[in-house]
Amino acid sequence: MAATRKIEVFSAGCAVCEDTIALINKIACPSCEVEILDMHKPEVSKKAKRYGIRSVPAVVVDGKLADCCAGRGPDEAALRAAGLGRPL
């Protein structure tokens, strides 16, 4: 059996997600196994949480969240610095 690299793409079906899926499909090699996961499904959302995914699209390669997708998502300190939670 030939070795494969597992690529998981977490998507909400938005235009940016579709662009990411197209990019992954374009650069995937013959030994890449690409799986598109729908974040609207509760089991996929739970899996995303286990990987530490905070925003989509997100890409996991061989069980590790790709650096390009890590650390994103809402951050309370940044939102407060932008004025959220302070009256005008």
PDB file of N, CA and C in Angstrom:
ATOM      1  N   MET A   1       0.841  -1.189   0.000  1.00  0.00           N
ATOM      2  CA  MET A   1       0.000   0.000   0.000  1.00  0.00           C
ATOM      3  C   MET A   1       0.883   1.248   0.000  1.00  0.00           C
ATOM      4  N   ALA A   2       0.602   2.172  -0.847  1.00  0.00           N
ATOM      5  CA  ALA A   2       1.377   3.402  -0.944  1.00  0.00           C
ATOM      6  C   ALA A   2       1.003   4.353   0.192  1.00  0.00           C
ATOM      7  N   ALA A   3       1.984   5.087   0.677  1.00  0.00           N
ATOM      8  CA  ALA A   3       1.741   6.070   1.735  1.00  0.00           C
ATOM      9  C   ALA A   3       0.984   7.264   1.167  1.00  0.00           C
ATOM     10  N   THR A   4       0.101   7.827   1.990  1.00  0.00           N
ATOM     11  CA  THR A   4      -0.638   9.012   1.563  1.00  0.00           C
ATOM     12  C   THR A   4      -0.507  10.107   2.612  1.00  0.00           C
ATOM     13  N   ARG A   5      -0.676  11.324   2.170  1.00  0.00           N
ATOM     14  CA  ARG A   5      -0.723  12.481   3.061  1.00  0.00           C
ATOM     15  C   ARG A   5      -2.190  12.871   3.157  1.00  0.00           C
ATOM     16  N   LYS A   6      -2.717  12.943   4.379  1.00  0.00           N
ATOM     17  CA  LYS A   6      -4.125  13.267   4.577  1.00  0.00           C
ATOM     18  C   LYS A   6      -4.288  14.774   4.738  1.00  0.00           C
ATOM     19  N   ILE A   7      -5.109  15.348   3.870  1.00  0.00           N
ATOM     20  CA  ILE A   7      -5.396  16.782   3.892  1.00  0.00           C
ATOM     21  C   ILE A   7      -6.877  16.948   4.226  1.00  0.00           C
ATOM     22  N   GLU A   8      -7.171  17.656   5.307  1.00  0.00           N
ATOM     23  CA  GLU A   8      -8.554  17.934   5.689  1.00  0.00           C
ATOM     24  C   GLU A   8      -8.793  19.434   5.546  1.00  0.00           C
ATOM     25  N   VAL A   9      -9.829  19.800   4.794  1.00  0.00           N
ATOM     26  CA  VAL A   9     -10.176  21.200   4.605  1.00  0.00           C
ATOM     27  C   VAL A   9     -11.510  21.433   5.291  1.00  0.00           C
ATOM     28  N   PHE A  10     -11.499  22.304   6.297  1.00  0.00           N
ATOM     29  CA  PHE A  10     -12.712  22.650   7.030  1.00  0.00           C
ATOM     30  C   PHE A  10     -13.324  23.880   6.367  1.00  0.00           C
ATOM     31  N   SER A  11     -14.573  23.735   5.929  1.00  0.00           N
ATOM     32  CA  SER A  11     -15.219  24.750   5.107  1.00  0.00           C
ATOM     33  C   SER A  11     -16.641  25.022   5.587  1.00  0.00           C
ATOM     34  N   ALA A  12     -17.055  26.288   5.430  1.00  0.00           N
ATOM     35  CA  ALA A  12     -18.439  26.666   5.706  1.00  0.00           C
ATOM     36  C   ALA A  12     -19.187  26.928   4.401  1.00  0.00           C
ATOM     37  N   GLY A  13     -18.542  26.663   3.278  1.00  0.00           N
ATOM     38  CA  GLY A  13     -19.193  26.835   1.986  1.00  0.00           C
ATOM     39  C   GLY A  13     -19.161  28.253   1.438  1.00  0.00           C
ATOM     40  N   CYS A  14     -18.408  29.143   2.087  1.00  0.00           N
ATOM     41  CA  CYS A  14     -18.337  30.533   1.615  1.00  0.00           C
ATOM     42  C   CYS A  14     -17.389  30.640   0.412  1.00  0.00           C
ATOM     43  N   ALA A  15     -17.372  31.802  -0.202  1.00  0.00           N
ATOM     44  CA  ALA A  15     -16.516  32.010  -1.375  1.00  0.00           C
ATOM     45  C   ALA A  15     -15.038  31.847  -1.035  1.00  0.00           C
ATOM     46  N   VAL A  16     -14.611  32.323   0.121  1.00  0.00           N
ATOM     47  CA  VAL A  16     -13.217  32.191   0.523  1.00  0.00           C
ATOM     48  C   VAL A  16     -12.874  30.713   0.744  1.00  0.00           C
ATOM     49  N   CYS A  17     -13.807  29.975   1.339  1.00  0.00           N
ATOM     50  CA  CYS A  17     -13.610  28.534   1.532  1.00  0.00           C
ATOM     51  C   CYS A  17     -13.484  27.831   0.184  1.00  0.00           C
ATOM     52  N   GLU A  18     -14.333  28.190  -0.761  1.00  0.00           N
ATOM     53  CA  GLU A  18     -14.288  27.572  -2.090  1.00  0.00           C
ATOM     54  C   GLU A  18     -12.966  27.860  -2.780  1.00  0.00           C
ATOM     55  N   ASP A  19     -12.443  29.083  -2.612  1.00  0.00           N
ATOM     56  CA  ASP A  19     -11.135  29.423  -3.183  1.00  0.00           C
ATOM     57  C   ASP A  19     -10.033  28.562  -2.573  1.00  0.00           C
ATOM     58  N   THR A  20     -10.118  28.335  -1.275  1.00  0.00           N
ATOM     59  CA  THR A  20      -9.120  27.504  -0.593  1.00  0.00           C
ATOM     60  C   THR A  20      -9.194  26.066  -1.075  1.00  0.00           C
ATOM     61  N   ILE A  21     -10.399  25.553  -1.234  1.00  0.00           N
ATOM     62  CA  ILE A  21     -10.579  24.190  -1.741  1.00  0.00           C
ATOM     63  C   ILE A  21      -9.973  24.062  -3.133  1.00  0.00           C
ATOM     64  N   ALA A  22     -10.215  25.062  -3.976  1.00  0.00           N
ATOM     65  CA  ALA A  22      -9.647  25.046  -5.326  1.00  0.00           C
ATOM     66  C   ALA A  22      -8.118  25.051  -5.271  1.00  0.00           C
ATOM     67  N   LEU A  23      -7.543  25.860  -4.370  1.00  0.00           N
ATOM     68  CA  LEU A  23      -6.088  25.918  -4.231  1.00  0.00           C
ATOM     69  C   LEU A  23      -5.541  24.577  -3.770  1.00  0.00           C
ATOM     70  N   ILE A  24      -6.162  23.985  -2.765  1.00  0.00           N
ATOM     71  CA  ILE A  24      -5.705  22.687  -2.258  1.00  0.00           C
ATOM     72  C   ILE A  24      -5.760  21.644  -3.370  1.00  0.00           C
ATOM     73  N   ASN A  25      -6.863  21.604  -4.097  1.00  0.00           N
ATOM     74  CA  ASN A  25      -6.986  20.631  -5.194  1.00  0.00           C
ATOM     75  C   ASN A  25      -5.953  20.875  -6.284  1.00  0.00           C
ATOM     76  N   LYS A  26      -5.595  22.139  -6.507  1.00  0.00           N
ATOM     77  CA  LYS A  26      -4.610  22.480  -7.537  1.00  0.00           C
ATOM     78  C   LYS A  26      -3.209  22.011  -7.153  1.00  0.00           C
ATOM     79  N   ILE A  27      -2.842  22.168  -5.880  1.00  0.00           N
ATOM     80  CA  ILE A  27      -1.462  21.859  -5.481  1.00  0.00           C
ATOM     81  C   ILE A  27      -1.290  20.472  -4.855  1.00  0.00           C
ATOM     82  N   ALA A  28      -2.396  19.776  -4.623  1.00  0.00           N
ATOM     83  CA  ALA A  28      -2.302  18.430  -4.036  1.00  0.00           C
ATOM     84  C   ALA A  28      -1.574  17.495  -4.991  1.00  0.00           C
ATOM     85  N   CYS A  29      -0.730  16.647  -4.418  1.00  0.00           N
ATOM     86  CA  CYS A  29       0.017  15.690  -5.232  1.00  0.00           C
ATOM     87  C   CYS A  29      -0.772  14.379  -5.335  1.00  0.00           C
ATOM     88  N   PRO A  30      -0.354  13.474  -6.193  1.00  0.00           N
ATOM     89  CA  PRO A  30      -1.063  12.206  -6.337  1.00  0.00           C
ATOM     90  C   PRO A  30      -1.153  11.392  -5.049  1.00  0.00           C
ATOM     91  N   SER A  31      -0.218  11.599  -4.116  1.00  0.00           N
ATOM     92  CA  SER A  31      -0.284  10.849  -2.864  1.00  0.00           C
ATOM     93  C   SER A  31      -1.058  11.588  -1.772  1.00  0.00           C
ATOM     94  N   CYS A  32      -1.681  12.714  -2.125  1.00  0.00           N
ATOM     95  CA  CYS A  32      -2.502  13.466  -1.170  1.00  0.00           C
ATOM     96  C   CYS A  32      -3.934  12.963  -1.219  1.00  0.00           C
ATOM     97  N   GLU A  33      -4.481  12.726  -0.049  1.00  0.00           N
ATOM     98  CA  GLU A  33      -5.885  12.350   0.091  1.00  0.00           C
ATOM     99  C   GLU A  33      -6.606  13.570   0.658  1.00  0.00           C
ATOM    100  N   VAL A  34      -7.405  14.243  -0.165  1.00  0.00           N
ATOM    101  CA  VAL A  34      -8.075  15.482   0.231  1.00  0.00           C
ATOM    102  C   VAL A  34      -9.507  15.177   0.660  1.00  0.00           C
ATOM    103  N   GLU A  35      -9.861  15.687   1.842  1.00  0.00           N
ATOM    104  CA  GLU A  35     -11.223  15.530   2.360  1.00  0.00           C
ATOM    105  C   GLU A  35     -11.760  16.908   2.712  1.00  0.00           C
ATOM    106  N   ILE A  36     -12.946  17.233   2.197  1.00  0.00           N
ATOM    107  CA  ILE A  36     -13.604  18.501   2.486  1.00  0.00           C
ATOM    108  C   ILE A  36     -14.626  18.243   3.585  1.00  0.00           C
ATOM    109  N   LEU A  37     -14.531  19.013   4.667  1.00  0.00           N
ATOM    110  CA  LEU A  37     -15.400  18.818   5.822  1.00  0.00           C
ATOM    111  C   LEU A  37     -16.324  20.025   5.995  1.00  0.00           C
ATOM    112  N   ASP A  38     -17.614  19.777   6.122  1.00  0.00           N
ATOM    113  CA  ASP A  38     -18.642  20.810   6.224  1.00  0.00           C
ATOM    114  C   ASP A  38     -18.842  21.216   7.681  1.00  0.00           C
ATOM    115  N   MET A  39     -18.463  22.434   8.016  1.00  0.00           N
ATOM    116  CA  MET A  39     -18.567  22.931   9.386  1.00  0.00           C
ATOM    117  C   MET A  39     -20.013  23.058   9.876  1.00  0.00           C
ATOM    118  N   HIS A  40     -20.977  22.936   8.982  1.00  0.00           N
ATOM    119  CA  HIS A  40     -22.374  22.981   9.407  1.00  0.00           C
ATOM    120  C   HIS A  40     -22.794  21.686  10.102  1.00  0.00           C
ATOM    121  N   LYS A  41     -21.994  20.650   9.995  1.00  0.00           N
ATOM    122  CA  LYS A  41     -22.291  19.368  10.633  1.00  0.00           C
ATOM    123  C   LYS A  41     -21.686  19.363  12.037  1.00  0.00           C
ATOM    124  N   PRO A  42     -22.497  19.025  13.046  1.00  0.00           N
ATOM    125  CA  PRO A  42     -22.009  19.064  14.430  1.00  0.00           C
ATOM    126  C   PRO A  42     -20.753  18.229  14.675  1.00  0.00           C
ATOM    127  N   GLU A  43     -20.655  17.057  14.061  1.00  0.00           N
ATOM    128  CA  GLU A  43     -19.481  16.219  14.289  1.00  0.00           C
ATOM    129  C   GLU A  43     -18.216  16.841  13.700  1.00  0.00           C
ATOM    130  N   VAL A  44     -18.378  17.588  12.609  1.00  0.00           N
ATOM    131  CA  VAL A  44     -17.230  18.273  12.002  1.00  0.00           C
ATOM    132  C   VAL A  44     -16.812  19.446  12.880  1.00  0.00           C
ATOM    133  N   SER A  45     -17.775  20.173  13.419  1.00  0.00           N
ATOM    134  CA  SER A  45     -17.463  21.291  14.314  1.00  0.00           C
ATOM    135  C   SER A  45     -16.712  20.810  15.550  1.00  0.00           C
ATOM    136  N   LYS A  46     -17.114  19.673  16.086  1.00  0.00           N
ATOM    137  CA  LYS A  46     -16.417  19.104  17.249  1.00  0.00           C
ATOM    138  C   LYS A  46     -14.985  18.725  16.891  1.00  0.00           C
ATOM    139  N   LYS A  47     -14.809  18.132  15.722  1.00  0.00           N
ATOM    140  CA  LYS A  47     -13.471  17.755  15.269  1.00  0.00           C
ATOM    141  C   LYS A  47     -12.605  19.001  15.095  1.00  0.00           C
ATOM    142  N   ALA A  48     -13.177  20.051  14.519  1.00  0.00           N
ATOM    143  CA  ALA A  48     -12.452  21.306  14.321  1.00  0.00           C
ATOM    144  C   ALA A  48     -12.000  21.876  15.662  1.00  0.00           C
ATOM    145  N   LYS A  49     -12.864  21.806  16.645  1.00  0.00           N
ATOM    146  CA  LYS A  49     -12.520  22.318  17.970  1.00  0.00           C
ATOM    147  C   LYS A  49     -11.349  21.538  18.561  1.00  0.00           C
ATOM    148  N   ARG A  50     -11.327  20.228  18.361  1.00  0.00           N
ATOM    149  CA  ARG A  50     -10.218  19.408  18.867  1.00  0.00           C
ATOM    150  C   ARG A  50      -8.889  19.809  18.217  1.00  0.00           C
ATOM    151  N   TYR A  51      -8.928  20.219  16.953  1.00  0.00           N
ATOM    152  CA  TYR A  51      -7.714  20.670  16.263  1.00  0.00           C
ATOM    153  C   TYR A  51      -7.327  22.098  16.655  1.00  0.00           C
ATOM    154  N   GLY A  52      -8.212  22.815  17.318  1.00  0.00           N
ATOM    155  CA  GLY A  52      -7.934  24.198  17.683  1.00  0.00           C
ATOM    156  C   GLY A  52      -8.307  25.191  16.601  1.00  0.00           C
ATOM    157  N   ILE A  53      -9.155  24.779  15.678  1.00  0.00           N
ATOM    158  CA  ILE A  53      -9.581  25.659  14.586  1.00  0.00           C
ATOM    159  C   ILE A  53     -10.531  26.715  15.141  1.00  0.00           C
ATOM    160  N   ARG A  54     -10.222  27.984  14.826  1.00  0.00           N
ATOM    161  CA  ARG A  54     -11.033  29.097  15.320  1.00  0.00           C
ATOM    162  C   ARG A  54     -11.697  29.879  14.199  1.00  0.00           C
ATOM    163  N   SER A  55     -11.322  29.593  12.958  1.00  0.00           N
ATOM    164  CA  SER A  55     -11.951  30.255  11.817  1.00  0.00           C
ATOM    165  C   SER A  55     -11.793  29.366  10.593  1.00  0.00           C
ATOM    166  N   VAL A  56     -12.626  29.610   9.617  1.00  0.00           N
ATOM    167  CA  VAL A  56     -12.569  28.844   8.368  1.00  0.00           C
ATOM    168  C   VAL A  56     -12.339  29.793   7.206  1.00  0.00           C
ATOM    169  N   PRO A  57     -11.750  29.324   6.134  1.00  0.00           N
ATOM    170  CA  PRO A  57     -11.317  27.955   5.905  1.00  0.00           C
ATOM    171  C   PRO A  57     -10.085  27.627   6.745  1.00  0.00           C
ATOM    172  N   ALA A  58      -9.939  26.345   7.048  1.00  0.00           N
ATOM    173  CA  ALA A  58      -8.774  25.865   7.782  1.00  0.00           C
ATOM    174  C   ALA A  58      -8.324  24.554   7.152  1.00  0.00           C
ATOM    175  N   VAL A  59      -7.011  24.329   7.163  1.00  0.00           N
ATOM    176  CA  VAL A  59      -6.442  23.140   6.541  1.00  0.00           C
ATOM    177  C   VAL A  59      -5.609  22.387   7.572  1.00  0.00           C
ATOM    178  N   VAL A  60      -5.866  21.075   7.646  1.00  0.00           N
ATOM    179  CA  VAL A  60      -5.108  20.194   8.527  1.00  0.00           C
ATOM    180  C   VAL A  60      -4.357  19.215   7.633  1.00  0.00           C
ATOM    181  N   VAL A  61      -3.048  19.099   7.873  1.00  0.00           N
ATOM    182  CA  VAL A  61      -2.206  18.195   7.090  1.00  0.00           C
ATOM    183  C   VAL A  61      -1.657  17.127   8.033  1.00  0.00           C
ATOM    184  N   ASP A  62      -2.004  15.891   7.748  1.00  0.00           N
ATOM    185  CA  ASP A  62      -1.567  14.760   8.563  1.00  0.00           C
ATOM    186  C   ASP A  62      -1.817  14.984  10.053  1.00  0.00           C
ATOM    187  N   GLY A  63      -3.011  15.492  10.374  1.00  0.00           N
ATOM    188  CA  GLY A  63      -3.411  15.649  11.764  1.00  0.00           C
ATOM    189  C   GLY A  63      -2.907  16.889  12.463  1.00  0.00           C
ATOM    190  N   LYS A  64      -2.245  17.806  11.732  1.00  0.00           N
ATOM    191  CA  LYS A  64      -1.718  19.033  12.335  1.00  0.00           C
ATOM    192  C   LYS A  64      -2.278  20.243  11.590  1.00  0.00           C
ATOM    193  N   LEU A  65      -2.834  21.176  12.355  1.00  0.00           N
ATOM    194  CA  LEU A  65      -3.356  22.404  11.771  1.00  0.00           C
ATOM    195  C   LEU A  65      -2.217  23.164  11.098  1.00  0.00           C
ATOM    196  N   ALA A  66      -2.381  23.479   9.824  1.00  0.00           N
ATOM    197  CA  ALA A  66      -1.337  24.185   9.077  1.00  0.00           C
ATOM    198  C   ALA A  66      -1.079  25.555   9.707  1.00  0.00           C
ATOM    199  N   ASP A  67       0.188  25.970   9.701  1.00  0.00           N
ATOM    200  CA  ASP A  67       0.571  27.245  10.310  1.00  0.00           C
ATOM    201  C   ASP A  67      -0.239  28.413   9.770  1.00  0.00           C
ATOM    202  N   CYS A  68      -0.605  28.354   8.510  1.00  0.00           N
ATOM    203  CA  CYS A  68      -1.369  29.448   7.904  1.00  0.00           C
ATOM    204  C   CYS A  68      -2.752  29.604   8.527  1.00  0.00           C
ATOM    205  N   CYS A  69      -3.216  28.577   9.223  1.00  0.00           N
ATOM    206  CA  CYS A  69      -4.579  28.567   9.747  1.00  0.00           C
ATOM    207  C   CYS A  69      -4.630  28.635  11.271  1.00  0.00           C
ATOM    208  N   ALA A  70      -3.507  28.677  11.912  1.00  0.00           N
ATOM    209  CA  ALA A  70      -3.455  28.662  13.379  1.00  0.00           C
ATOM    210  C   ALA A  70      -3.536  30.079  13.946  1.00  0.00           C
ATOM    211  N   GLY A  71      -4.144  30.181  15.117  1.00  0.00           N
ATOM    212  CA  GLY A  71      -4.138  31.438  15.847  1.00  0.00           C
ATOM    213  C   GLY A  71      -5.082  32.503  15.343  1.00  0.00           C
ATOM    214  N   ARG A  72      -5.927  32.166  14.409  1.00  0.00           N
ATOM    215  CA  ARG A  72      -6.866  33.167  13.895  1.00  0.00           C
ATOM    216  C   ARG A  72      -8.164  33.059  14.663  1.00  0.00           C
ATOM    217  N   GLY A  73      -9.094  33.897  14.312  1.00  0.00           N
ATOM    218  CA  GLY A  73     -10.385  33.878  14.962  1.00  0.00           C
ATOM    219  C   GLY A  73     -10.524  35.068  15.891  1.00  0.00           C
ATOM    220  N   PRO A  74     -11.712  35.252  16.428  1.00  0.00           N
ATOM    221  CA  PRO A  74     -11.948  36.392  17.309  1.00  0.00           C
ATOM    222  C   PRO A  74     -11.046  36.344  18.538  1.00  0.00           C
ATOM    223  N   ASP A  75     -10.499  37.487  18.878  1.00  0.00           N
ATOM    224  CA  ASP A  75      -9.651  37.626  20.051  1.00  0.00           C
ATOM    225  C   ASP A  75     -10.219  38.767  20.892  1.00  0.00           C
ATOM    226  N   GLU A  76     -10.587  38.473  22.127  1.00  0.00           N
ATOM    227  CA  GLU A  76     -11.260  39.475  22.955  1.00  0.00           C
ATOM    228  C   GLU A  76     -10.432  40.740  23.118  1.00  0.00           C
ATOM    229  N   ALA A  77      -9.144  40.609  23.372  1.00  0.00           N
ATOM    230  CA  ALA A  77      -8.303  41.792  23.576  1.00  0.00           C
ATOM    231  C   ALA A  77      -8.285  42.675  22.333  1.00  0.00           C
ATOM    232  N   ALA A  78      -8.166  42.066  21.160  1.00  0.00           N
ATOM    233  CA  ALA A  78      -8.142  42.836  19.916  1.00  0.00           C
ATOM    234  C   ALA A  78      -9.486  43.507  19.662  1.00  0.00           C
ATOM    235  N   LEU A  79     -10.573  42.804  19.950  1.00  0.00           N
ATOM    236  CA  LEU A  79     -11.908  43.383  19.769  1.00  0.00           C
ATOM    237  C   LEU A  79     -12.126  44.563  20.720  1.00  0.00           C
ATOM    238  N   ARG A  80     -11.698  44.405  21.967  1.00  0.00           N
ATOM    239  CA  ARG A  80     -11.837  45.517  22.929  1.00  0.00           C
ATOM    240  C   ARG A  80     -10.974  46.706  22.499  1.00  0.00           C
ATOM    241  N   ALA A  81      -9.775  46.441  21.974  1.00  0.00           N
ATOM    242  CA  ALA A  81      -8.905  47.527  21.503  1.00  0.00           C
ATOM    243  C   ALA A  81      -9.540  48.275  20.335  1.00  0.00           C
ATOM    244  N   ALA A  82     -10.382  47.567  19.567  1.00  0.00           N
ATOM    245  CA  ALA A  82     -11.077  48.210  18.449  1.00  0.00           C
ATOM    246  C   ALA A  82     -12.302  48.998  18.900  1.00  0.00           C
ATOM    247  N   GLY A  83     -12.640  48.901  20.191  1.00  0.00           N
ATOM    248  CA  GLY A  83     -13.743  49.687  20.722  1.00  0.00           C
ATOM    249  C   GLY A  83     -14.957  48.891  21.166  1.00  0.00           C
ATOM    250  N   LEU A  84     -14.954  47.597  20.906  1.00  0.00           N
ATOM    251  CA  LEU A  84     -16.101  46.773  21.291  1.00  0.00           C
ATOM    252  C   LEU A  84     -16.254  46.782  22.811  1.00  0.00           C
ATOM    253  N   GLY A  85     -17.486  47.013  23.276  1.00  0.00           N
ATOM    254  CA  GLY A  85     -17.769  47.002  24.706  1.00  0.00           C
ATOM    255  C   GLY A  85     -17.634  48.364  25.381  1.00  0.00           C
ATOM    256  N   ARG A  86     -17.258  49.384  24.612  1.00  0.00           N
ATOM    257  CA  ARG A  86     -17.144  50.740  25.172  1.00  0.00           C
ATOM    258  C   ARG A  86     -18.216  51.613  24.562  1.00  0.00           C
ATOM    259  N   PRO A  87     -19.005  52.299  25.394  1.00  0.00           N
ATOM    260  CA  PRO A  87     -20.019  53.200  24.844  1.00  0.00           C
ATOM    261  C   PRO A  87     -19.350  54.344  24.070  1.00  0.00           C
ATOM    262  N   LEU A  88     -20.080  54.889  23.113  1.00  0.00           N
ATOM    263  CA  LEU A  88     -19.565  56.027  22.350  1.00  0.00           C
ATOM    264  C   LEU A  88     -19.626  57.287  23.168  1.00  0.00           C
TER     265      LEU A  88
END
